[in-house]
Amino acid sequence: MSNVKPIPGTDGNRYIPVSDRSGDKSIVYFTRDLSADGLKRIFERVNSCLTGKVGVKLHTGEPHGPNIIPRPWVKSLIDQDLPGASIVETNSYYEGGRYTTEDHRNTLAINGWTFCPVDIIDENGTVDFPVNGGKWFTEMSMGKSLASYDSIFVLTHFKGHSKGGFGGSNKNIGIGCADGRQGKRMIHTTPGSDDMWDISYEEFMERMTESAKAVVDHFAGHISYVNVLRNMSVSCDCEGTAAAPVVTPNVGILASLDILAIDQASVDLVYAMKPDENHDLRERIETRHGLRQLTYMKELGMGNDLYDLIDIDNGDAVISLKDAVRDVVPFKSE
C-alpha cells in the first residue's frame, strides 16, 4: 500500500437510473409476502450454495429494538431449512448493549435470539481477511471464528443508516463481520483521531465496501443474500428504541446470489416509490452519499447493477420496479 492517502470517489449523492447503467444482468427474486412463509419461499431460491457449516449473518439489534427482522421468521427458517446453523454477530464499536460479549449476550436474550446458537465471532480474537483490489486496505480485521464457517447466509433488514445512508447486505457484512475493536475502527476512524466517527461520505462507503469484499471473496460460491424491506426507518437497528419513526411503506423481500444486485434493487425499489412515500429514506441516503456503496461495489467487481426482478408470487414473471411498488400503502405501526 502506498503511503499516499487514496482519493475517495465522488457522486455518492447521485442516483443512477437503470437506463444509464451498463453490463451484465443478475437475478433478484422478489416477494411481497412479508411473513415467515415468504422468507422461506424466497430463501429456497438462493440456498443451494450453502453447504457445510453455515453462519447466518443478521443484525440482532440493540435492546428492545423495534424494527429488526421478526424472531419467529428467523426461528422458523433455521428450524426447517438450516438445522445446525448459527447466527453470527460481532461486538459493537460504540458503548452500548453490544459493546462487550457479556452485555451482548444479555441483549440477545432480551431480544429473543435464544432459539439457536449465536456465535459472537470476535469473542475470542480476530483474523485478517485479504482485501483484493482495495485502495484503502490490503486486509481487514474480522471476528476470528468467521473463518471456521464454510458458508454464510446474509439475512439483512434493509433500512437507513446514520453513516452509510442505507444499510443493506453490503453494510451487514462490511461492518457486521469486522471485529468490534480493530476492524470497525479501521472503517470508521482515521488513525490518531480523537473523533471515532470522523470518516464519512464516499471514503466511509469505500472502506465499508472493501471490508464486505473481503467476506464475499472468502466465501465465494458459498454466500447468498436476502434483504427484508420492512419497517424501514432512516435509522439503523443499532439505534434501538431511539430509531426515528418509520414512514416508508413496507415493500417485500428480495433474494440474490449477487450482493450488488440485491442492494441496488433494494435502493431502486425505494426510488421507484412516490415522493411522499420515499422522501425521508431517499434524503437519508443522499445526504450521507450512500449511493457510493453501489458504484464502488461495481468498480471492485462485486456484482452487477443490472438485474431481472423475478416475482415469485406470480409465476416467476419479470416485474418492473413500478409494478413492484404499485400497491404499497403508507406505513402503519404493527
C-alpha atoms as a PDB file:
ATOM      1  CA  MET A   1       0.000   0.000   0.000  1.00  0.00           C
ATOM      2  CA  SER A   2       1.319   3.431  -0.890  1.00  0.00           C
ATOM      3  CA  ASN A   3       1.924   5.992   1.846  1.00  0.00           C
ATOM      4  CA  VAL A   4      -0.079   8.466  -0.228  1.00  0.00           C
ATOM      5  CA  LYS A   5      -3.666   8.610   1.041  1.00  0.00           C
ATOM      6  CA  PRO A   6      -6.136   7.347  -1.558  1.00  0.00           C
ATOM      7  CA  ILE A   7      -8.645   9.769  -3.034  1.00  0.00           C
ATOM      8  CA  PRO A   8     -12.299   8.878  -2.454  1.00  0.00           C
ATOM      9  CA  GLY A   9     -14.672   8.629  -5.362  1.00  0.00           C
ATOM     10  CA  THR A  10     -17.427  11.144  -5.961  1.00  0.00           C
ATOM     11  CA  ASP A  11     -21.157  11.459  -6.642  1.00  0.00           C
ATOM     12  CA  GLY A  12     -22.317   9.302  -3.771  1.00  0.00           C
ATOM     13  CA  ASN A  13     -25.353  11.561  -3.556  1.00  0.00           C
ATOM     14  CA  ARG A  14     -26.374  10.976  -7.190  1.00  0.00           C
ATOM     15  CA  TYR A  15     -28.800   8.211  -8.081  1.00  0.00           C
ATOM     16  CA  ILE A  16     -28.014   6.460 -11.362  1.00  0.00           C
ATOM     17  CA  PRO A  17     -31.204   5.391 -13.143  1.00  0.00           C
ATOM     18  CA  VAL A  18     -31.433   1.967 -14.729  1.00  0.00           C
ATOM     19  CA  SER A  19     -31.266   3.488 -18.218  1.00  0.00           C
ATOM     20  CA  ASP A  20     -27.781   4.864 -17.513  1.00  0.00           C
ATOM     21  CA  ARG A  21     -26.275   1.547 -16.342  1.00  0.00           C
ATOM     22  CA  SER A  22     -24.430  -0.991 -18.452  1.00  0.00           C
ATOM     23  CA  GLY A  23     -23.038  -4.501 -18.187  1.00  0.00           C
ATOM     24  CA  ASP A  24     -24.363  -7.951 -17.444  1.00  0.00           C
ATOM     25  CA  LYS A  25     -27.554  -8.764 -15.562  1.00  0.00           C
ATOM     26  CA  SER A  26     -28.060 -10.793 -12.409  1.00  0.00           C
ATOM     27  CA  ILE A  27     -31.211 -12.342 -10.961  1.00  0.00           C
ATOM     28  CA  VAL A  28     -33.012 -10.813  -7.979  1.00  0.00           C
ATOM     29  CA  TYR A  29     -36.065 -12.647  -6.622  1.00  0.00           C
ATOM     30  CA  PHE A  30     -38.976 -10.712  -5.147  1.00  0.00           C
ATOM     31  CA  THR A  31     -41.988 -11.477  -2.968  1.00  0.00           C
ATOM     32  CA  ARG A  32     -44.493  -9.150  -1.366  1.00  0.00           C
ATOM     33  CA  ASP A  33     -45.140 -11.811   1.292  1.00  0.00           C
ATOM     34  CA  LEU A  34     -43.685 -10.330   4.455  1.00  0.00           C
ATOM     35  CA  SER A  35     -44.056 -13.404   6.636  1.00  0.00           C
ATOM     36  CA  ALA A  36     -42.164 -16.469   7.786  1.00  0.00           C
ATOM     37  CA  ASP A  37     -43.564 -18.319   4.776  1.00  0.00           C
ATOM     38  CA  GLY A  38     -42.476 -15.577   2.385  1.00  0.00           C
ATOM     39  CA  LEU A  39     -38.971 -15.641   3.833  1.00  0.00           C
ATOM     40  CA  LYS A  40     -38.834 -19.416   3.498  1.00  0.00           C
ATOM     41  CA  ARG A  41     -40.047 -19.436  -0.101  1.00  0.00           C
ATOM     42  CA  ILE A  42     -37.612 -16.819  -1.295  1.00  0.00           C
ATOM     43  CA  PHE A  43     -34.708 -18.315   0.660  1.00  0.00           C
ATOM     44  CA  GLU A  44     -35.228 -21.570  -1.203  1.00  0.00           C
ATOM     45  CA  ARG A  45     -34.278 -19.759  -4.420  1.00  0.00           C
ATOM     46  CA  VAL A  46     -30.774 -18.989  -3.158  1.00  0.00           C
ATOM     47  CA  ASN A  47     -29.942 -21.749  -0.675  1.00  0.00           C
ATOM     48  CA  SER A  48     -28.289 -24.375  -2.868  1.00  0.00           C
ATOM     49  CA  CYS A  49     -24.839 -22.828  -2.460  1.00  0.00           C
ATOM     50  CA  LEU A  50     -24.931 -23.068   1.334  1.00  0.00           C
ATOM     51  CA  THR A  51     -23.007 -26.185   2.326  1.00  0.00           C
ATOM     52  CA  GLY A  52     -21.144 -27.452   5.345  1.00  0.00           C
ATOM     53  CA  LYS A  53     -21.087 -25.286   8.448  1.00  0.00           C
ATOM     54  CA  VAL A  54     -23.431 -22.348   7.822  1.00  0.00           C
ATOM     55  CA  GLY A  55     -23.463 -18.995   9.577  1.00  0.00           C
ATOM     56  CA  VAL A  56     -26.465 -16.672   9.368  1.00  0.00           C
ATOM     57  CA  LYS A  57     -25.282 -13.062   9.465  1.00  0.00           C
ATOM     58  CA  LEU A  58     -28.010 -10.749  10.654  1.00  0.00           C
ATOM     59  CA  HIS A  59     -28.307  -7.650  12.816  1.00  0.00           C
ATOM     60  CA  THR A  60     -29.775  -8.795  16.127  1.00  0.00           C
ATOM     61  CA  GLY A  61     -30.276  -5.212  17.342  1.00  0.00           C
ATOM     62  CA  GLU A  62     -29.869  -3.155  20.469  1.00  0.00           C
ATOM     63  CA  PRO A  63     -32.146  -3.944  23.467  1.00  0.00           C
ATOM     64  CA  HIS A  64     -35.841  -3.880  22.542  1.00  0.00           C
ATOM     65  CA  GLY A  65     -35.095  -2.674  19.019  1.00  0.00           C
ATOM     66  CA  PRO A  66     -38.486  -2.229  17.341  1.00  0.00           C
ATOM     67  CA  ASN A  67     -37.625  -2.791  13.682  1.00  0.00           C
ATOM     68  CA  ILE A  68     -35.418  -5.883  13.494  1.00  0.00           C
ATOM     69  CA  ILE A  69     -36.479  -8.899  11.442  1.00  0.00           C
ATOM     70  CA  PRO A  70     -39.106 -10.778  13.484  1.00  0.00           C
ATOM     71  CA  ARG A  71     -37.514 -13.555  15.515  1.00  0.00           C
ATOM     72  CA  PRO A  72     -40.276 -16.083  14.704  1.00  0.00           C
ATOM     73  CA  TRP A  73     -39.476 -15.744  10.986  1.00  0.00           C
ATOM     74  CA  VAL A  74     -35.815 -16.475  11.580  1.00  0.00           C
ATOM     75  CA  LYS A  75     -36.530 -19.315  14.015  1.00  0.00           C
ATOM     76  CA  SER A  76     -38.853 -20.991  11.539  1.00  0.00           C
ATOM     77  CA  LEU A  77     -36.291 -20.667   8.734  1.00  0.00           C
ATOM     78  CA  ILE A  78     -33.418 -22.075  10.772  1.00  0.00           C
ATOM     79  CA  ASP A  79     -35.507 -24.886  12.259  1.00  0.00           C
ATOM     80  CA  GLN A  80     -36.838 -26.003   8.878  1.00  0.00           C
ATOM     81  CA  ASP A  81     -34.137 -25.108   6.363  1.00  0.00           C
ATOM     82  CA  LEU A  82     -30.879 -24.537   8.223  1.00  0.00           C
ATOM     83  CA  PRO A  83     -30.736 -27.011  11.123  1.00  0.00           C
ATOM     84  CA  GLY A  84     -27.387 -26.732  12.865  1.00  0.00           C
ATOM     85  CA  ALA A  85     -26.711 -23.210  11.617  1.00  0.00           C
ATOM     86  CA  SER A  86     -25.574 -20.437  13.957  1.00  0.00           C
ATOM     87  CA  ILE A  87     -26.330 -16.753  13.916  1.00  0.00           C
ATOM     88  CA  VAL A  88     -23.037 -14.860  13.632  1.00  0.00           C
ATOM     89  CA  GLU A  89     -22.545 -11.399  15.121  1.00  0.00           C
ATOM     90  CA  THR A  90     -19.759  -9.111  16.346  1.00  0.00           C
ATOM     91  CA  ASN A  91     -19.495  -6.767  19.268  1.00  0.00           C
ATOM     92  CA  SER A  92     -20.156  -3.088  18.583  1.00  0.00           C
ATOM     93  CA  TYR A  93     -17.591  -0.314  18.214  1.00  0.00           C
ATOM     94  CA  TYR A  94     -19.621   2.075  20.360  1.00  0.00           C
ATOM     95  CA  GLU A  95     -20.527   1.592  24.018  1.00  0.00           C
ATOM     96  CA  GLY A  96     -23.998   0.184  24.434  1.00  0.00           C
ATOM     97  CA  GLY A  97     -25.884  -3.069  24.737  1.00  0.00           C
ATOM     98  CA  ARG A  98     -23.499  -4.994  22.498  1.00  0.00           C
ATOM     99  CA  TYR A  99     -20.129  -3.443  23.392  1.00  0.00           C
ATOM    100  CA  THR A 100     -18.824  -6.338  25.491  1.00  0.00           C
ATOM    101  CA  THR A 101     -19.539 -10.002  24.927  1.00  0.00           C
ATOM    102  CA  GLU A 102     -21.306 -10.220  28.288  1.00  0.00           C
ATOM    103  CA  ASP A 103     -23.570  -7.269  27.525  1.00  0.00           C
ATOM    104  CA  HIS A 104     -24.109  -8.552  24.006  1.00  0.00           C
ATOM    105  CA  ARG A 105     -25.341 -11.908  25.272  1.00  0.00           C
ATOM    106  CA  ASN A 106     -27.720 -10.151  27.661  1.00  0.00           C
ATOM    107  CA  THR A 107     -29.109  -8.151  24.729  1.00  0.00           C
ATOM    108  CA  LEU A 108     -29.516 -11.306  22.653  1.00  0.00           C
ATOM    109  CA  ALA A 109     -31.635 -12.761  25.436  1.00  0.00           C
ATOM    110  CA  ILE A 110     -33.707  -9.577  25.744  1.00  0.00           C
ATOM    111  CA  ASN A 111     -34.375  -9.541  22.004  1.00  0.00           C
ATOM    112  CA  GLY A 112     -35.283 -13.214  21.845  1.00  0.00           C
ATOM    113  CA  TRP A 113     -32.346 -14.640  19.907  1.00  0.00           C
ATOM    114  CA  THR A 114     -32.295 -17.762  22.065  1.00  0.00           C
ATOM    115  CA  PHE A 115     -33.595 -20.444  19.697  1.00  0.00           C
ATOM    116  CA  CYS A 116     -30.246 -21.358  18.094  1.00  0.00           C
ATOM    117  CA  PRO A 117     -26.545 -20.847  18.790  1.00  0.00           C
ATOM    118  CA  VAL A 118     -25.312 -17.258  18.430  1.00  0.00           C
ATOM    119  CA  ASP A 119     -21.602 -17.035  17.696  1.00  0.00           C
ATOM    120  CA  ILE A 120     -20.128 -13.670  18.671  1.00  0.00           C
ATOM    121  CA  ILE A 121     -17.312 -14.185  16.244  1.00  0.00           C
ATOM    122  CA  ASP A 122     -14.865 -11.701  17.804  1.00  0.00           C
ATOM    123  CA  GLU A 123     -15.337 -13.084  21.308  1.00  0.00           C
ATOM    124  CA  ASN A 124     -12.033 -14.967  21.098  1.00  0.00           C
ATOM    125  CA  GLY A 125      -9.979 -12.726  18.877  1.00  0.00           C
ATOM    126  CA  THR A 126      -9.593 -11.651  15.290  1.00  0.00           C
ATOM    127  CA  VAL A 127      -8.449 -12.897  11.911  1.00  0.00           C
ATOM    128  CA  ASP A 128      -7.299 -10.909   8.884  1.00  0.00           C
ATOM    129  CA  PHE A 129      -9.091 -11.486   5.578  1.00  0.00           C
ATOM    130  CA  PRO A 130      -7.337 -10.188   2.442  1.00  0.00           C
ATOM    131  CA  VAL A 131      -8.901  -7.293   0.550  1.00  0.00           C
ATOM    132  CA  ASN A 132      -8.257  -7.877  -3.137  1.00  0.00           C
ATOM    133  CA  GLY A 133      -8.047  -4.755  -5.273  1.00  0.00           C
ATOM    134  CA  GLY A 134      -8.823  -2.297  -2.497  1.00  0.00           C
ATOM    135  CA  LYS A 135      -7.381   1.195  -2.275  1.00  0.00           C
ATOM    136  CA  TRP A 136      -7.830   1.707   1.482  1.00  0.00           C
ATOM    137  CA  PHE A 137      -6.912  -1.750   2.794  1.00  0.00           C
ATOM    138  CA  THR A 138      -4.928  -4.823   1.904  1.00  0.00           C
ATOM    139  CA  GLU A 139      -6.627  -6.787   4.682  1.00  0.00           C
ATOM    140  CA  MET A 140      -9.490  -6.369   7.133  1.00  0.00           C
ATOM    141  CA  SER A 141      -9.693  -7.485  10.744  1.00  0.00           C
ATOM    142  CA  MET A 142     -12.651  -9.835  11.209  1.00  0.00           C
ATOM    143  CA  GLY A 143     -14.079 -11.808  14.085  1.00  0.00           C
ATOM    144  CA  LYS A 144     -11.825 -14.843  14.457  1.00  0.00           C
ATOM    145  CA  SER A 145     -14.398 -17.596  14.277  1.00  0.00           C
ATOM    146  CA  LEU A 146     -15.817 -16.351  10.957  1.00  0.00           C
ATOM    147  CA  ALA A 147     -13.039 -18.366   9.339  1.00  0.00           C
ATOM    148  CA  SER A 148     -14.476 -21.582  10.792  1.00  0.00           C
ATOM    149  CA  TYR A 149     -17.607 -21.402   8.588  1.00  0.00           C
ATOM    150  CA  ASP A 150     -17.964 -22.990   5.175  1.00  0.00           C
ATOM    151  CA  SER A 151     -20.901 -20.826   4.040  1.00  0.00           C
ATOM    152  CA  ILE A 152     -22.623 -17.590   5.015  1.00  0.00           C
ATOM    153  CA  PHE A 153     -26.274 -16.633   4.567  1.00  0.00           C
ATOM    154  CA  VAL A 154     -26.549 -12.840   4.747  1.00  0.00           C
ATOM    155  CA  LEU A 155     -30.014 -12.035   6.105  1.00  0.00           C
ATOM    156  CA  THR A 156     -30.440  -8.275   6.154  1.00  0.00           C
ATOM    157  CA  HIS A 157     -33.047  -5.842   7.393  1.00  0.00           C
ATOM    158  CA  PHE A 158     -32.804  -3.123   4.744  1.00  0.00           C
ATOM    159  CA  LYS A 159     -33.194   0.359   6.263  1.00  0.00           C
ATOM    160  CA  GLY A 160     -31.495   3.728   6.564  1.00  0.00           C
ATOM    161  CA  HIS A 161     -28.202   4.286   8.331  1.00  0.00           C
ATOM    162  CA  SER A 162     -26.744   7.345  10.048  1.00  0.00           C
ATOM    163  CA  LYS A 163     -23.329   6.984   8.367  1.00  0.00           C
ATOM    164  CA  GLY A 164     -23.951   4.745   5.369  1.00  0.00           C
ATOM    165  CA  GLY A 165     -27.191   6.326   4.177  1.00  0.00           C
ATOM    166  CA  PHE A 166     -28.679   2.877   3.884  1.00  0.00           C
ATOM    167  CA  GLY A 167     -27.893  -0.474   5.430  1.00  0.00           C
ATOM    168  CA  GLY A 168     -28.176  -3.414   3.064  1.00  0.00           C
ATOM    169  CA  SER A 169     -26.230  -6.617   2.568  1.00  0.00           C
ATOM    170  CA  ASN A 170     -23.033  -4.643   1.978  1.00  0.00           C
ATOM    171  CA  LYS A 171     -23.291  -2.927   5.348  1.00  0.00           C
ATOM    172  CA  ASN A 172     -24.428  -6.116   7.099  1.00  0.00           C
ATOM    173  CA  ILE A 173     -21.174  -7.903   6.355  1.00  0.00           C
ATOM    174  CA  GLY A 174     -18.860  -4.929   5.795  1.00  0.00           C
ATOM    175  CA  ILE A 175     -19.467  -3.514   9.272  1.00  0.00           C
ATOM    176  CA  GLY A 176     -21.070  -6.560  10.848  1.00  0.00           C
ATOM    177  CA  CYS A 177     -18.215  -9.032  10.296  1.00  0.00           C
ATOM    178  CA  ALA A 178     -15.420  -6.592  11.162  1.00  0.00           C
ATOM    179  CA  ASP A 179     -14.468  -7.082  14.797  1.00  0.00           C
ATOM    180  CA  GLY A 180     -15.642  -4.559  17.350  1.00  0.00           C
ATOM    181  CA  ARG A 181     -12.298  -3.009  18.253  1.00  0.00           C
ATOM    182  CA  GLN A 182      -9.858  -3.151  15.327  1.00  0.00           C
ATOM    183  CA  GLY A 183     -11.879  -3.808  12.174  1.00  0.00           C
ATOM    184  CA  LYS A 184     -14.644  -1.321  12.875  1.00  0.00           C
ATOM    185  CA  ARG A 185     -12.048   1.279  13.869  1.00  0.00           C
ATOM    186  CA  MET A 186     -10.306   0.773  10.520  1.00  0.00           C
ATOM    187  CA  ILE A 187     -13.573   1.623   8.760  1.00  0.00           C
ATOM    188  CA  HIS A 188     -14.823   4.473  10.961  1.00  0.00           C
ATOM    189  CA  THR A 189     -11.783   6.305  12.343  1.00  0.00           C
ATOM    190  CA  THR A 190      -8.699   7.997  10.933  1.00  0.00           C
ATOM    191  CA  PRO A 191      -5.640   6.714  12.844  1.00  0.00           C
ATOM    192  CA  GLY A 192      -4.793   9.126  15.664  1.00  0.00           C
ATOM    193  CA  SER A 193      -8.117  10.948  15.506  1.00  0.00           C
ATOM    194  CA  ASP A 194      -9.979  11.830  18.695  1.00  0.00           C
ATOM    195  CA  ASP A 195     -13.278  11.532  16.807  1.00  0.00           C
ATOM    196  CA  MET A 196     -14.190   7.868  16.439  1.00  0.00           C
ATOM    197  CA  TRP A 197     -16.716   8.736  13.696  1.00  0.00           C
ATOM    198  CA  ASP A 198     -14.571  11.129  11.643  1.00  0.00           C
ATOM    199  CA  ILE A 199     -14.695   9.148   8.375  1.00  0.00           C
ATOM    200  CA  SER A 200     -17.821   9.873   6.369  1.00  0.00           C
ATOM    201  CA  TYR A 201     -19.328  10.120   2.911  1.00  0.00           C
ATOM    202  CA  GLU A 202     -17.566   8.455  -0.027  1.00  0.00           C
ATOM    203  CA  GLU A 203     -14.498   7.428   1.956  1.00  0.00           C
ATOM    204  CA  PHE A 204     -16.630   5.670   4.549  1.00  0.00           C
ATOM    205  CA  MET A 205     -18.645   3.868   1.839  1.00  0.00           C
ATOM    206  CA  GLU A 206     -15.473   2.667   0.171  1.00  0.00           C
ATOM    207  CA  ARG A 207     -13.883   1.429   3.395  1.00  0.00           C
ATOM    208  CA  MET A 208     -17.050  -0.424   4.373  1.00  0.00           C
ATOM    209  CA  THR A 209     -17.336  -1.926   0.897  1.00  0.00           C
ATOM    210  CA  GLU A 210     -13.744  -3.139   0.874  1.00  0.00           C
ATOM    211  CA  SER A 211     -14.457  -4.899   4.165  1.00  0.00           C
ATOM    212  CA  ALA A 212     -17.537  -6.512   2.614  1.00  0.00           C
ATOM    213  CA  LYS A 213     -15.498  -7.583  -0.399  1.00  0.00           C
ATOM    214  CA  ALA A 214     -13.116  -9.457   1.889  1.00  0.00           C
ATOM    215  CA  VAL A 215     -16.072 -11.503   3.162  1.00  0.00           C
ATOM    216  CA  VAL A 216     -17.575 -12.022  -0.303  1.00  0.00           C
ATOM    217  CA  ASP A 217     -14.251 -13.231  -1.684  1.00  0.00           C
ATOM    218  CA  HIS A 218     -13.598 -15.515   1.273  1.00  0.00           C
ATOM    219  CA  PHE A 219     -16.930 -17.297   0.849  1.00  0.00           C
ATOM    220  CA  ALA A 220     -17.005 -17.127  -2.951  1.00  0.00           C
ATOM    221  CA  GLY A 221     -19.590 -19.592  -4.258  1.00  0.00           C
ATOM    222  CA  HIS A 222     -20.931 -20.222  -0.756  1.00  0.00           C
ATOM    223  CA  ILE A 223     -22.682 -16.981   0.127  1.00  0.00           C
ATOM    224  CA  SER A 224     -26.224 -15.788  -0.572  1.00  0.00           C
ATOM    225  CA  TYR A 225     -28.282 -12.734   0.319  1.00  0.00           C
ATOM    226  CA  VAL A 226     -31.803 -11.830   1.432  1.00  0.00           C
ATOM    227  CA  ASN A 227     -32.924  -8.240   2.089  1.00  0.00           C
ATOM    228  CA  VAL A 228     -36.141  -7.652   4.036  1.00  0.00           C
ATOM    229  CA  LEU A 229     -37.733  -4.304   3.089  1.00  0.00           C
ATOM    230  CA  ARG A 230     -39.926  -3.864   6.150  1.00  0.00           C
ATOM    231  CA  ASN A 231     -40.021  -1.285   8.970  1.00  0.00           C
ATOM    232  CA  MET A 232     -37.518   0.855   7.072  1.00  0.00           C
ATOM    233  CA  SER A 233     -36.659   3.635   9.474  1.00  0.00           C
ATOM    234  CA  VAL A 234     -33.980   6.085   8.373  1.00  0.00           C
ATOM    235  CA  SER A 235     -32.150   4.805  11.466  1.00  0.00           C
ATOM    236  CA  CYS A 236     -30.097   1.633  11.713  1.00  0.00           C
ATOM    237  CA  ASP A 237     -31.095  -1.147  14.090  1.00  0.00           C
ATOM    238  CA  CYS A 238     -28.022  -0.150  16.128  1.00  0.00           C
ATOM    239  CA  GLU A 239     -30.071   2.842  17.332  1.00  0.00           C
ATOM    240  CA  GLY A 240     -32.578   0.567  19.033  1.00  0.00           C
ATOM    241  CA  THR A 241     -35.523   2.316  20.664  1.00  0.00           C
ATOM    242  CA  ALA A 242     -34.063   5.712  19.666  1.00  0.00           C
ATOM    243  CA  ALA A 243     -34.643   4.941  15.972  1.00  0.00           C
ATOM    244  CA  ALA A 244     -36.612   7.522  14.024  1.00  0.00           C
ATOM    245  CA  PRO A 245     -40.252   6.615  13.377  1.00  0.00           C
ATOM    246  CA  VAL A 246     -40.906   4.533  10.273  1.00  0.00           C
ATOM    247  CA  VAL A 247     -42.632   6.469   7.482  1.00  0.00           C
ATOM    248  CA  THR A 248     -41.533   4.477   4.389  1.00  0.00           C
ATOM    249  CA  PRO A 249     -44.012   1.828   3.199  1.00  0.00           C
ATOM    250  CA  ASN A 250     -43.152  -1.848   3.515  1.00  0.00           C
ATOM    251  CA  VAL A 251     -42.303  -3.453   0.160  1.00  0.00           C
ATOM    252  CA  GLY A 252     -41.376  -7.140   0.444  1.00  0.00           C
ATOM    253  CA  ILE A 253     -38.383  -9.460   0.460  1.00  0.00           C
ATOM    254  CA  LEU A 254     -35.556  -9.779  -2.078  1.00  0.00           C
ATOM    255  CA  ALA A 255     -33.048 -12.590  -2.602  1.00  0.00           C
ATOM    256  CA  SER A 256     -30.000 -12.971  -4.826  1.00  0.00           C
ATOM    257  CA  LEU A 257     -26.590 -14.523  -5.188  1.00  0.00           C
ATOM    258  CA  ASP A 258     -25.235 -11.088  -6.177  1.00  0.00           C
ATOM    259  CA  ILE A 259     -24.580  -8.602  -3.372  1.00  0.00           C
ATOM    260  CA  LEU A 260     -24.539  -5.557  -5.624  1.00  0.00           C
ATOM    261  CA  ALA A 261     -27.703  -6.580  -7.473  1.00  0.00           C
ATOM    262  CA  ILE A 262     -29.704  -7.094  -4.270  1.00  0.00           C
ATOM    263  CA  ASP A 263     -28.631  -3.810  -2.690  1.00  0.00           C
ATOM    264  CA  GLN A 264     -29.140  -1.976  -5.978  1.00  0.00           C
ATOM    265  CA  ALA A 265     -32.622  -3.476  -6.349  1.00  0.00           C
ATOM    266  CA  SER A 266     -33.473  -2.518  -2.757  1.00  0.00           C
ATOM    267  CA  VAL A 267     -32.448   1.094  -3.406  1.00  0.00           C
ATOM    268  CA  ASP A 268     -34.229   1.089  -6.775  1.00  0.00           C
ATOM    269  CA  LEU A 269     -37.478  -0.026  -5.147  1.00  0.00           C
ATOM    270  CA  VAL A 270     -37.260   2.852  -2.697  1.00  0.00           C
ATOM    271  CA  TYR A 271     -36.579   5.312  -5.529  1.00  0.00           C
ATOM    272  CA  ALA A 272     -39.493   3.881  -7.541  1.00  0.00           C
ATOM    273  CA  MET A 273     -41.948   4.950  -4.827  1.00  0.00           C
ATOM    274  CA  LYS A 274     -43.890   8.195  -4.954  1.00  0.00           C
ATOM    275  CA  PRO A 275     -42.073  11.231  -3.480  1.00  0.00           C
ATOM    276  CA  ASP A 276     -44.334  11.372  -0.440  1.00  0.00           C
ATOM    277  CA  GLU A 277     -43.541   7.711   0.268  1.00  0.00           C
ATOM    278  CA  ASN A 278     -39.761   7.716  -0.131  1.00  0.00           C
ATOM    279  CA  HIS A 279     -38.810  11.270   0.824  1.00  0.00           C
ATOM    280  CA  ASP A 280     -37.233  10.595   4.220  1.00  0.00           C
ATOM    281  CA  LEU A 281     -35.276   7.491   3.263  1.00  0.00           C
ATOM    282  CA  ARG A 282     -34.123   8.981  -0.034  1.00  0.00           C
ATOM    283  CA  GLU A 283     -32.942  12.101   1.795  1.00  0.00           C
ATOM    284  CA  ARG A 284     -31.031   9.972   4.310  1.00  0.00           C
ATOM    285  CA  ILE A 285     -29.329   8.022   1.509  1.00  0.00           C
ATOM    286  CA  GLU A 286     -28.325  11.090  -0.477  1.00  0.00           C
ATOM    287  CA  THR A 287     -27.220  13.345   2.393  1.00  0.00           C
ATOM    288  CA  ARG A 288     -24.789  10.637   3.530  1.00  0.00           C
ATOM    289  CA  HIS A 289     -23.629   9.963  -0.052  1.00  0.00           C
ATOM    290  CA  GLY A 290     -24.642   6.356   0.489  1.00  0.00           C
ATOM    291  CA  LEU A 291     -25.050   5.579  -3.211  1.00  0.00           C
ATOM    292  CA  ARG A 292     -21.269   5.337  -3.410  1.00  0.00           C
ATOM    293  CA  GLN A 293     -21.693   1.876  -1.887  1.00  0.00           C
ATOM    294  CA  LEU A 294     -23.251   0.747  -5.154  1.00  0.00           C
ATOM    295  CA  THR A 295     -20.837   2.322  -7.612  1.00  0.00           C
ATOM    296  CA  TYR A 296     -17.832   1.140  -5.615  1.00  0.00           C
ATOM    297  CA  MET A 297     -19.130  -2.424  -5.452  1.00  0.00           C
ATOM    298  CA  LYS A 298     -19.317  -2.290  -9.230  1.00  0.00           C
ATOM    299  CA  GLU A 299     -15.793  -0.872  -9.527  1.00  0.00           C
ATOM    300  CA  LEU A 300     -14.497  -3.675  -7.299  1.00  0.00           C
ATOM    301  CA  GLY A 301     -16.187  -6.334  -9.453  1.00  0.00           C
ATOM    302  CA  MET A 302     -18.510  -7.489  -6.691  1.00  0.00           C
ATOM    303  CA  GLY A 303     -21.560  -7.891  -8.929  1.00  0.00           C
ATOM    304  CA  ASN A 304     -23.924  -6.279 -11.410  1.00  0.00           C
ATOM    305  CA  ASP A 305     -26.111  -3.198 -11.029  1.00  0.00           C
ATOM    306  CA  LEU A 306     -28.468  -4.501 -13.732  1.00  0.00           C
ATOM    307  CA  TYR A 307     -30.803  -7.372 -12.932  1.00  0.00           C
ATOM    308  CA  ASP A 308     -34.080  -9.056 -13.723  1.00  0.00           C
ATOM    309  CA  LEU A 309     -36.560  -8.733 -10.860  1.00  0.00           C
ATOM    310  CA  ILE A 310     -38.341 -12.098 -10.641  1.00  0.00           C
ATOM    311  CA  ASP A 311     -41.769 -12.092  -8.967  1.00  0.00           C
ATOM    312  CA  ILE A 312     -42.073 -15.475  -7.254  1.00  0.00           C
ATOM    313  CA  ASP A 313     -45.672 -14.688  -6.281  1.00  0.00           C
ATOM    314  CA  ASN A 314     -46.726 -14.604  -9.934  1.00  0.00           C
ATOM    315  CA  GLY A 315     -45.140 -17.472 -11.807  1.00  0.00           C
ATOM    316  CA  ASP A 316     -41.611 -16.071 -11.816  1.00  0.00           C
ATOM    317  CA  ALA A 317     -42.585 -13.253 -14.147  1.00  0.00           C
ATOM    318  CA  VAL A 318     -40.070 -10.477 -14.703  1.00  0.00           C
ATOM    319  CA  ILE A 319     -41.597  -7.469 -12.988  1.00  0.00           C
ATOM    320  CA  SER A 320     -40.873  -3.756 -13.257  1.00  0.00           C
ATOM    321  CA  LEU A 321     -39.884  -1.640 -10.285  1.00  0.00           C
ATOM    322  CA  LYS A 322     -43.022   0.461 -10.659  1.00  0.00           C
ATOM    323  CA  ASP A 323     -45.222  -2.652 -10.601  1.00  0.00           C
ATOM    324  CA  ALA A 324     -43.396  -3.959  -7.535  1.00  0.00           C
ATOM    325  CA  VAL A 325     -44.226  -0.839  -5.504  1.00  0.00           C
ATOM    326  CA  ARG A 326     -47.571  -0.021  -7.127  1.00  0.00           C
ATOM    327  CA  ASP A 327     -49.660  -1.340  -4.252  1.00  0.00           C
ATOM    328  CA  VAL A 328     -47.570  -0.240  -1.276  1.00  0.00           C
ATOM    329  CA  VAL A 329     -49.544   1.554   1.400  1.00  0.00           C
ATOM    330  CA  PRO A 330     -48.457   4.135   3.981  1.00  0.00           C
ATOM    331  CA  PHE A 331     -46.661   2.527   6.884  1.00  0.00           C
ATOM    332  CA  LYS A 332     -48.741   1.751   9.959  1.00  0.00           C
ATOM    333  CA  SER A 333     -47.155   0.628  13.204  1.00  0.00           C
ATOM    334  CA  GLU A 334     -47.892  -3.025  13.850  1.00  0.00           C
END
